[in-house]
PDB file of N, CA and C in Angstrom:
ATOM      1  N   MET A   1      -0.769   2.386  14.390  1.00  0.00           N
ATOM      2  CA  MET A   1       0.409   3.110  13.929  1.00  0.00           C
ATOM      3  C   MET A   1       0.252   4.581  14.266  1.00  0.00           C
ATOM      4  N   ASP A   2       1.276   5.201  14.672  1.00  0.00           N
ATOM      5  CA  ASP A   2       1.232   6.582  15.106  1.00  0.00           C
ATOM      6  C   ASP A   2       1.453   7.526  13.926  1.00  0.00           C
ATOM      7  N   GLY A   3       0.375   8.088  13.395  1.00  0.00           N
ATOM      8  CA  GLY A   3       0.494   9.111  12.373  1.00  0.00           C
ATOM      9  C   GLY A   3       0.926   8.628  11.004  1.00  0.00           C
ATOM     10  N   GLY A   4       0.375   7.570  10.501  1.00  0.00           N
ATOM     11  CA  GLY A   4       0.699   7.108   9.165  1.00  0.00           C
ATOM     12  C   GLY A   4      -0.133   5.896   8.800  1.00  0.00           C
ATOM     13  N   GLU A   5       0.024   5.448   7.566  1.00  0.00           N
ATOM     14  CA  GLU A   5      -0.741   4.304   7.090  1.00  0.00           C
ATOM     15  C   GLU A   5       0.185   3.173   6.669  1.00  0.00           C
ATOM     16  N   LEU A   6      -0.253   1.957   6.969  1.00  0.00           N
ATOM     17  CA  LEU A   6       0.446   0.760   6.526  1.00  0.00           C
ATOM     18  C   LEU A   6      -0.286   0.203   5.308  1.00  0.00           C
ATOM     19  N   TRP A   7       0.473  -0.202   4.300  1.00  0.00           N
ATOM     20  CA  TRP A   7      -0.120  -0.809   3.116  1.00  0.00           C
ATOM     21  C   TRP A   7      -0.097  -2.318   3.290  1.00  0.00           C
ATOM     22  N   TYR A   8      -1.195  -2.954   2.918  1.00  0.00           N
ATOM     23  CA  TYR A   8      -1.259  -4.406   2.991  1.00  0.00           C
ATOM     24  C   TYR A   8      -2.191  -4.943   1.915  1.00  0.00           C
ATOM     25  N   GLU A   9      -2.057  -6.216   1.662  1.00  0.00           N
ATOM     26  CA  GLU A   9      -2.916  -6.918   0.715  1.00  0.00           C
ATOM     27  C   GLU A   9      -3.217  -8.290   1.300  1.00  0.00           C
ATOM     28  N   ILE A  10      -4.447  -8.741   1.137  1.00  0.00           N
ATOM     29  CA  ILE A  10      -4.844 -10.048   1.649  1.00  0.00           C
ATOM     30  C   ILE A  10      -5.250 -10.941   0.485  1.00  0.00           C
ATOM     31  N   ASP A  11      -4.695 -12.143   0.458  1.00  0.00           N
ATOM     32  CA  ASP A  11      -5.097 -13.168  -0.506  1.00  0.00           C
ATOM     33  C   ASP A  11      -5.757 -14.274   0.306  1.00  0.00           C
ATOM     34  N   ASP A  12      -7.082 -14.363   0.189  1.00  0.00           N
ATOM     35  CA  ASP A  12      -7.803 -15.378   0.958  1.00  0.00           C
ATOM     36  C   ASP A  12      -8.194 -16.574   0.100  1.00  0.00           C
ATOM     37  N   GLY A  13      -7.686 -16.631  -1.124  1.00  0.00           N
ATOM     38  CA  GLY A  13      -7.967 -17.765  -1.988  1.00  0.00           C
ATOM     39  C   GLY A  13      -9.438 -17.920  -2.318  1.00  0.00           C
ATOM     40  N   GLY A  14     -10.202 -16.851  -2.189  1.00  0.00           N
ATOM     41  CA  GLY A  14     -11.632 -16.907  -2.477  1.00  0.00           C
ATOM     42  C   GLY A  14     -12.481 -17.440  -1.329  1.00  0.00           C
ATOM     43  N   HIS A  15     -11.852 -17.695  -0.171  1.00  0.00           N
ATOM     44  CA  HIS A  15     -12.590 -18.173   0.998  1.00  0.00           C
ATOM     45  C   HIS A  15     -13.154 -16.977   1.761  1.00  0.00           C
ATOM     46  N   PRO A  16     -14.255 -17.184   2.475  1.00  0.00           N
ATOM     47  CA  PRO A  16     -14.783 -16.080   3.293  1.00  0.00           C
ATOM     48  C   PRO A  16     -13.731 -15.607   4.294  1.00  0.00           C
ATOM     49  N   GLY A  17     -13.607 -14.316   4.461  1.00  0.00           N
ATOM     50  CA  GLY A  17     -12.585 -13.747   5.340  1.00  0.00           C
ATOM     51  C   GLY A  17     -12.905 -13.799   6.816  1.00  0.00           C
ATOM     52  N   ASP A  18     -14.101 -14.273   7.184  1.00  0.00           N
ATOM     53  CA  ASP A  18     -14.485 -14.224   8.596  1.00  0.00           C
ATOM     54  C   ASP A  18     -14.409 -15.582   9.300  1.00  0.00           C
ATOM     55  N   ASP A  19     -13.713 -16.555   8.722  1.00  0.00           N
ATOM     56  CA  ASP A  19     -13.569 -17.874   9.336  1.00  0.00           C
ATOM     57  C   ASP A  19     -12.492 -17.810  10.421  1.00  0.00           C
ATOM     58  N   PRO A  20     -12.880 -17.871  11.706  1.00  0.00           N
ATOM     59  CA  PRO A  20     -11.894 -17.724  12.786  1.00  0.00           C
ATOM     60  C   PRO A  20     -10.919 -18.896  12.905  1.00  0.00           C
ATOM     61  N   ASP A  21     -11.259 -20.024  12.323  1.00  0.00           N
ATOM     62  CA  ASP A  21     -10.393 -21.199  12.408  1.00  0.00           C
ATOM     63  C   ASP A  21      -9.415 -21.315  11.251  1.00  0.00           C
ATOM     64  N   ARG A  22      -9.558 -20.471  10.255  1.00  0.00           N
ATOM     65  CA  ARG A  22      -8.656 -20.523   9.106  1.00  0.00           C
ATOM     66  C   ARG A  22      -7.314 -19.903   9.488  1.00  0.00           C
ATOM     67  N   PRO A  23      -6.208 -20.603   9.239  1.00  0.00           N
ATOM     68  CA  PRO A  23      -4.899 -20.038   9.579  1.00  0.00           C
ATOM     69  C   PRO A  23      -4.609 -18.760   8.794  1.00  0.00           C
ATOM     70  N   THR A  24      -3.845 -17.888   9.412  1.00  0.00           N
ATOM     71  CA  THR A  24      -3.407 -16.648   8.774  1.00  0.00           C
ATOM     72  C   THR A  24      -1.894 -16.597   8.793  1.00  0.00           C
ATOM     73  N   LEU A  25      -1.319 -16.248   7.666  1.00  0.00           N
ATOM     74  CA  LEU A  25       0.125 -16.094   7.544  1.00  0.00           C
ATOM     75  C   LEU A  25       0.407 -14.638   7.189  1.00  0.00           C
ATOM     76  N   VAL A  26       1.056 -13.914   8.108  1.00  0.00           N
ATOM     77  CA  VAL A  26       1.434 -12.520   7.861  1.00  0.00           C
ATOM     78  C   VAL A  26       2.890 -12.528   7.414  1.00  0.00           C
ATOM     79  N   LEU A  27       3.135 -12.010   6.223  1.00  0.00           N
ATOM     80  CA  LEU A  27       4.484 -11.989   5.662  1.00  0.00           C
ATOM     81  C   LEU A  27       5.114 -10.620   5.859  1.00  0.00           C
ATOM     82  N   LEU A  28       6.285 -10.615   6.481  1.00  0.00           N
ATOM     83  CA  LEU A  28       7.038  -9.390   6.738  1.00  0.00           C
ATOM     84  C   LEU A  28       8.366  -9.475   6.008  1.00  0.00           C
ATOM     85  N   HIS A  29       8.784  -8.394   5.434  1.00  0.00           N
ATOM     86  CA  HIS A  29      10.051  -8.356   4.708  1.00  0.00           C
ATOM     87  C   HIS A  29      11.088  -7.600   5.514  1.00  0.00           C
ATOM     88  N   GLY A  30      12.323  -7.734   5.135  1.00  0.00           N
ATOM     89  CA  GLY A  30      13.395  -6.975   5.781  1.00  0.00           C
ATOM     90  C   GLY A  30      13.778  -5.787   4.926  1.00  0.00           C
ATOM     91  N   SER A  31      14.936  -5.249   5.175  1.00  0.00           N
ATOM     92  CA  SER A  31      15.505  -4.178   4.369  1.00  0.00           C
ATOM     93  C   SER A  31      14.652  -2.916   4.372  1.00  0.00           C
ATOM     94  N   PRO A  32      14.717  -2.129   5.433  1.00  0.00           N
ATOM     95  CA  PRO A  32      13.887  -0.926   5.513  1.00  0.00           C
ATOM     96  C   PRO A  32      14.172   0.065   4.396  1.00  0.00           C
ATOM     97  N   GLY A  33      13.077   0.665   3.925  1.00  0.00           N
ATOM     98  CA  GLY A  33      13.189   1.758   2.979  1.00  0.00           C
ATOM     99  C   GLY A  33      13.160   1.387   1.517  1.00  0.00           C
ATOM    100  N   ASN A  34      13.524   0.165   1.156  1.00  0.00           N
ATOM    101  CA  ASN A  34      13.533  -0.128  -0.280  1.00  0.00           C
ATOM    102  C   ASN A  34      12.892  -1.461  -0.622  1.00  0.00           C
ATOM    103  N   SER A  35      12.336  -2.140   0.332  1.00  0.00           N
ATOM    104  CA  SER A  35      11.773  -3.458   0.106  1.00  0.00           C
ATOM    105  C   SER A  35      10.259  -3.400   0.247  1.00  0.00           C
ATOM    106  N   ASP A  36       9.573  -4.323  -0.411  1.00  0.00           N
ATOM    107  CA  ASP A  36       8.135  -4.414  -0.245  1.00  0.00           C
ATOM    108  C   ASP A  36       7.704  -5.875  -0.309  1.00  0.00           C
ATOM    109  N   HIS A  37       6.425  -6.066  -0.263  1.00  0.00           N
ATOM    110  CA  HIS A  37       5.830  -7.396  -0.183  1.00  0.00           C
ATOM    111  C   HIS A  37       5.931  -8.216  -1.472  1.00  0.00           C
ATOM    112  N   SER A  38       6.170  -7.584  -2.592  1.00  0.00           N
ATOM    113  CA  SER A  38       6.034  -8.237  -3.894  1.00  0.00           C
ATOM    114  C   SER A  38       6.959  -9.446  -4.080  1.00  0.00           C
ATOM    115  N   ALA A  39       8.086  -9.483  -3.401  1.00  0.00           N
ATOM    116  CA  ALA A  39       8.998 -10.612  -3.543  1.00  0.00           C
ATOM    117  C   ALA A  39       8.387 -11.906  -3.009  1.00  0.00           C
ATOM    118  N   PHE A  40       7.427 -11.796  -2.090  1.00  0.00           N
ATOM    119  CA  PHE A  40       6.803 -12.977  -1.502  1.00  0.00           C
ATOM    120  C   PHE A  40       5.740 -13.619  -2.382  1.00  0.00           C
ATOM    121  N   LYS A  41       5.123 -12.821  -3.244  1.00  0.00           N
ATOM    122  CA  LYS A  41       3.956 -13.314  -3.978  1.00  0.00           C
ATOM    123  C   LYS A  41       4.205 -14.589  -4.790  1.00  0.00           C
ATOM    124  N   PRO A  42       5.272 -14.689  -5.570  1.00  0.00           N
ATOM    125  CA  PRO A  42       5.451 -15.923  -6.340  1.00  0.00           C
ATOM    126  C   PRO A  42       5.565 -17.182  -5.471  1.00  0.00           C
ATOM    127  N   ALA A  43       6.184 -17.060  -4.325  1.00  0.00           N
ATOM    128  CA  ALA A  43       6.411 -18.228  -3.475  1.00  0.00           C
ATOM    129  C   ALA A  43       5.204 -18.588  -2.611  1.00  0.00           C
ATOM    130  N   PHE A  44       4.387 -17.608  -2.227  1.00  0.00           N
ATOM    131  CA  PHE A  44       3.336 -17.868  -1.250  1.00  0.00           C
ATOM    132  C   PHE A  44       1.916 -17.824  -1.808  1.00  0.00           C
ATOM    133  N   ALA A  45       1.705 -17.353  -3.009  1.00  0.00           N
ATOM    134  CA  ALA A  45       0.355 -17.242  -3.565  1.00  0.00           C
ATOM    135  C   ALA A  45      -0.359 -18.592  -3.593  1.00  0.00           C
ATOM    136  N   GLY A  46       0.369 -19.658  -3.830  1.00  0.00           N
ATOM    137  CA  GLY A  46      -0.230 -20.978  -3.880  1.00  0.00           C
ATOM    138  C   GLY A  46      -0.736 -21.484  -2.543  1.00  0.00           C
ATOM    139  N   MET A  47      -0.346 -20.849  -1.461  1.00  0.00           N
ATOM    140  CA  MET A  47      -0.784 -21.273  -0.136  1.00  0.00           C
ATOM    141  C   MET A  47      -2.146 -20.696   0.256  1.00  0.00           C
ATOM    142  N   ALA A  48      -2.712 -19.825  -0.577  1.00  0.00           N
ATOM    143  CA  ALA A  48      -3.968 -19.164  -0.240  1.00  0.00           C
ATOM    144  C   ALA A  48      -5.136 -20.136  -0.123  1.00  0.00           C
ATOM    145  N   ASP A  49      -5.006 -21.328  -0.685  1.00  0.00           N
ATOM    146  CA  ASP A  49      -6.063 -22.330  -0.504  1.00  0.00           C
ATOM    147  C   ASP A  49      -6.066 -22.869   0.923  1.00  0.00           C
ATOM    148  N   ALA A  50      -4.923 -22.859   1.583  1.00  0.00           N
ATOM    149  CA  ALA A  50      -4.799 -23.422   2.928  1.00  0.00           C
ATOM    150  C   ALA A  50      -4.825 -22.369   4.032  1.00  0.00           C
ATOM    151  N   ALA A  51      -4.492 -21.123   3.700  1.00  0.00           N
ATOM    152  CA  ALA A  51      -4.407 -20.076   4.726  1.00  0.00           C
ATOM    153  C   ALA A  51      -4.673 -18.714   4.099  1.00  0.00           C
ATOM    154  N   ARG A  52      -5.083 -17.793   4.934  1.00  0.00           N
ATOM    155  CA  ARG A  52      -5.220 -16.402   4.503  1.00  0.00           C
ATOM    156  C   ARG A  52      -3.820 -15.807   4.514  1.00  0.00           C
ATOM    157  N   ILE A  53      -3.367 -15.298   3.375  1.00  0.00           N
ATOM    158  CA  ILE A  53      -2.026 -14.739   3.250  1.00  0.00           C
ATOM    159  C   ILE A  53      -2.134 -13.220   3.326  1.00  0.00           C
ATOM    160  N   VAL A  54      -1.402 -12.625   4.256  1.00  0.00           N
ATOM    161  CA  VAL A  54      -1.409 -11.173   4.431  1.00  0.00           C
ATOM    162  C   VAL A  54      -0.013 -10.671   4.083  1.00  0.00           C
ATOM    163  N   TYR A  55       0.064  -9.843   3.042  1.00  0.00           N
ATOM    164  CA  TYR A  55       1.312  -9.211   2.622  1.00  0.00           C
ATOM    165  C   TYR A  55       1.324  -7.818   3.243  1.00  0.00           C
ATOM    166  N   LEU A  56       2.318  -7.525   4.071  1.00  0.00           N
ATOM    167  CA  LEU A  56       2.361  -6.257   4.798  1.00  0.00           C
ATOM    168  C   LEU A  56       3.660  -5.518   4.507  1.00  0.00           C
ATOM    169  N   ASP A  57       3.527  -4.255   4.114  1.00  0.00           N
ATOM    170  CA  ASP A  57       4.688  -3.374   3.987  1.00  0.00           C
ATOM    171  C   ASP A  57       4.829  -2.623   5.308  1.00  0.00           C
ATOM    172  N   LEU A  58       5.911  -2.860   6.013  1.00  0.00           N
ATOM    173  CA  LEU A  58       6.132  -2.199   7.289  1.00  0.00           C
ATOM    174  C   LEU A  58       6.354  -0.703   7.102  1.00  0.00           C
ATOM    175  N   ARG A  59       6.270   0.018   8.183  1.00  0.00           N
ATOM    176  CA  ARG A  59       6.449   1.474   8.181  1.00  0.00           C
ATOM    177  C   ARG A  59       7.772   1.840   7.496  1.00  0.00           C
ATOM    178  N   GLY A  60       7.679   2.728   6.499  1.00  0.00           N
ATOM    179  CA  GLY A  60       8.866   3.175   5.784  1.00  0.00           C
ATOM    180  C   GLY A  60       9.303   2.260   4.658  1.00  0.00           C
ATOM    181  N   CYS A  61       8.510   1.235   4.366  1.00  0.00           N
ATOM    182  CA  CYS A  61       8.865   0.274   3.326  1.00  0.00           C
ATOM    183  C   CYS A  61       7.741   0.165   2.305  1.00  0.00           C
ATOM    184  N   GLY A  62       8.123  -0.138   1.072  1.00  0.00           N
ATOM    185  CA  GLY A  62       7.113  -0.332   0.035  1.00  0.00           C
ATOM    186  C   GLY A  62       6.158   0.839  -0.069  1.00  0.00           C
ATOM    187  N   ARG A  63       4.865   0.543   0.033  1.00  0.00           N
ATOM    188  CA  ARG A  63       3.827   1.570  -0.123  1.00  0.00           C
ATOM    189  C   ARG A  63       3.345   2.165   1.197  1.00  0.00           C
ATOM    190  N   SER A  64       3.931   1.746   2.316  1.00  0.00           N
ATOM    191  CA  SER A  64       3.543   2.306   3.612  1.00  0.00           C
ATOM    192  C   SER A  64       4.223   3.646   3.848  1.00  0.00           C
ATOM    193  N   ASP A  65       3.620   4.428   4.730  1.00  0.00           N
ATOM    194  CA  ASP A  65       4.167   5.747   5.054  1.00  0.00           C
ATOM    195  C   ASP A  65       5.507   5.639   5.776  1.00  0.00           C
ATOM    196  N   LEU A  66       6.292   6.698   5.666  1.00  0.00           N
ATOM    197  CA  LEU A  66       7.559   6.779   6.400  1.00  0.00           C
ATOM    198  C   LEU A  66       7.294   6.972   7.885  1.00  0.00           C
ATOM    199  N   PRO A  67       8.253   6.582   8.728  1.00  0.00           N
ATOM    200  CA  PRO A  67       8.082   6.827  10.168  1.00  0.00           C
ATOM    201  C   PRO A  67       7.953   8.321  10.439  1.00  0.00           C
ATOM    202  N   SER A  68       7.068   8.688  11.357  1.00  0.00           N
ATOM    203  CA  SER A  68       6.879  10.106  11.665  1.00  0.00           C
ATOM    204  C   SER A  68       8.115  10.700  12.328  1.00  0.00           C
ATOM    205  N   GLU A  69       8.876   9.869  13.041  1.00  0.00           N
ATOM    206  CA  GLU A  69      10.076  10.355  13.715  1.00  0.00           C
ATOM    207  C   GLU A  69      11.265  10.429  12.764  1.00  0.00           C
ATOM    208  N   GLY A  70      11.137   9.857  11.570  1.00  0.00           N
ATOM    209  CA  GLY A  70      12.223   9.882  10.602  1.00  0.00           C
ATOM    210  C   GLY A  70      13.237   8.776  10.765  1.00  0.00           C
ATOM    211  N   ALA A  71      13.012   7.850  11.709  1.00  0.00           N
ATOM    212  CA  ALA A  71      13.968   6.757  11.922  1.00  0.00           C
ATOM    213  C   ALA A  71      13.212   5.435  12.042  1.00  0.00           C
ATOM    214  N   PHE A  72      13.829   4.382  11.565  1.00  0.00           N
ATOM    215  CA  PHE A  72      13.253   3.054  11.685  1.00  0.00           C
ATOM    216  C   PHE A  72      13.638   2.473  13.035  1.00  0.00           C
ATOM    217  N   SER A  73      12.764   1.630  13.596  1.00  0.00           N
ATOM    218  CA  SER A  73      13.122   0.926  14.826  1.00  0.00           C
ATOM    219  C   SER A  73      12.361  -0.392  14.891  1.00  0.00           C
ATOM    220  N   LEU A  74      13.000  -1.381  15.473  1.00  0.00           N
ATOM    221  CA  LEU A  74      12.337  -2.672  15.662  1.00  0.00           C
ATOM    222  C   LEU A  74      11.143  -2.529  16.602  1.00  0.00           C
ATOM    223  N   GLU A  75      11.277  -1.682  17.609  1.00  0.00           N
ATOM    224  CA  GLU A  75      10.177  -1.463  18.539  1.00  0.00           C
ATOM    225  C   GLU A  75       8.973  -0.858  17.827  1.00  0.00           C
ATOM    226  N   GLY A  76       9.228   0.107  16.944  1.00  0.00           N
ATOM    227  CA  GLY A  76       8.145   0.720  16.177  1.00  0.00           C
ATOM    228  C   GLY A  76       7.457  -0.280  15.268  1.00  0.00           C
ATOM    229  N   TRP A  77       8.261  -1.114  14.601  1.00  0.00           N
ATOM    230  CA  TRP A  77       7.674  -2.136  13.728  1.00  0.00           C
ATOM    231  C   TRP A  77       6.870  -3.147  14.538  1.00  0.00           C
ATOM    232  N   ALA A  78       7.382  -3.540  15.707  1.00  0.00           N
ATOM    233  CA  ALA A  78       6.653  -4.493  16.559  1.00  0.00           C
ATOM    234  C   ALA A  78       5.317  -3.892  17.003  1.00  0.00           C
ATOM    235  N   ASP A  79       5.324  -2.628  17.416  1.00  0.00           N
ATOM    236  CA  ASP A  79       4.086  -1.955  17.811  1.00  0.00           C
ATOM    237  C   ASP A  79       3.114  -1.886  16.644  1.00  0.00           C
ATOM    238  N   ASP A  80       3.625  -1.563  15.463  1.00  0.00           N
ATOM    239  CA  ASP A  80       2.772  -1.508  14.269  1.00  0.00           C
ATOM    240  C   ASP A  80       2.144  -2.870  13.985  1.00  0.00           C
ATOM    241  N   LEU A  81       2.943  -3.932  14.097  1.00  0.00           N
ATOM    242  CA  LEU A  81       2.454  -5.279  13.807  1.00  0.00           C
ATOM    243  C   LEU A  81       1.368  -5.692  14.793  1.00  0.00           C
ATOM    244  N   VAL A  82       1.570  -5.420  16.072  1.00  0.00           N
ATOM    245  CA  VAL A  82       0.558  -5.750  17.083  1.00  0.00           C
ATOM    246  C   VAL A  82      -0.741  -4.991  16.790  1.00  0.00           C
ATOM    247  N   GLY A  83      -0.646  -3.702  16.523  1.00  0.00           N
ATOM    248  CA  GLY A  83      -1.820  -2.900  16.210  1.00  0.00           C
ATOM    249  C   GLY A  83      -2.508  -3.352  14.923  1.00  0.00           C
ATOM    250  N   PHE A  84      -1.714  -3.683  13.924  1.00  0.00           N
ATOM    251  CA  PHE A  84      -2.247  -4.155  12.642  1.00  0.00           C
ATOM    252  C   PHE A  84      -3.024  -5.453  12.828  1.00  0.00           C
ATOM    253  N   CYS A  85      -2.430  -6.426  13.525  1.00  0.00           N
ATOM    254  CA  CYS A  85      -3.091  -7.708  13.756  1.00  0.00           C
ATOM    255  C   CYS A  85      -4.370  -7.516  14.569  1.00  0.00           C
ATOM    256  N   SER A  86      -4.326  -6.644  15.556  1.00  0.00           N
ATOM    257  CA  SER A  86      -5.501  -6.370  16.359  1.00  0.00           C
ATOM    258  C   SER A  86      -6.620  -5.772  15.499  1.00  0.00           C
ATOM    259  N   ALA A  87      -6.274  -4.816  14.650  1.00  0.00           N
ATOM    260  CA  ALA A  87      -7.270  -4.168  13.784  1.00  0.00           C
ATOM    261  C   ALA A  87      -7.918  -5.149  12.820  1.00  0.00           C
ATOM    262  N   LEU A  88      -7.159  -6.147  12.353  1.00  0.00           N
ATOM    263  CA  LEU A  88      -7.706  -7.125  11.426  1.00  0.00           C
ATOM    264  C   LEU A  88      -8.280  -8.356  12.130  1.00  0.00           C
ATOM    265  N   GLY A  89      -8.195  -8.393  13.447  1.00  0.00           N
ATOM    266  CA  GLY A  89      -8.729  -9.524  14.196  1.00  0.00           C
ATOM    267  C   GLY A  89      -7.887 -10.774  14.093  1.00  0.00           C
ATOM    268  N   ILE A  90      -6.587 -10.601  13.814  1.00  0.00           N
ATOM    269  CA  ILE A  90      -5.677 -11.743  13.727  1.00  0.00           C
ATOM    270  C   ILE A  90      -5.214 -12.059  15.139  1.00  0.00           C
ATOM    271  N   ARG A  91      -5.570 -13.242  15.625  1.00  0.00           N
ATOM    272  CA  ARG A  91      -5.246 -13.615  17.003  1.00  0.00           C
ATOM    273  C   ARG A  91      -3.974 -14.421  17.121  1.00  0.00           C
ATOM    274  N   ARG A  92      -3.637 -15.172  16.095  1.00  0.00           N
ATOM    275  CA  ARG A  92      -2.434 -16.004  16.135  1.00  0.00           C
ATOM    276  C   ARG A  92      -1.882 -16.198  14.748  1.00  0.00           C
TER     277      ARG A  92
END
């Protein structure tokens, strides 16, 4: 991400986080500026036994920093997501 921080939370269901074969589910929300990951928790928390659940607040949403340019863009969010997955070692 260019000049800011993304907020995220991982629920691994108590499983070791370094299992490369364990599926990962990255949850993204819509509605820029006023939405966050919390709406997903009731529906997806139970899946943590089967997959690593990653709750991500995109740039300008929830607890993540605002865009440095002051505008939201799908391209910016896509770049952030690619960089985020790379940093956490999420391959698929």
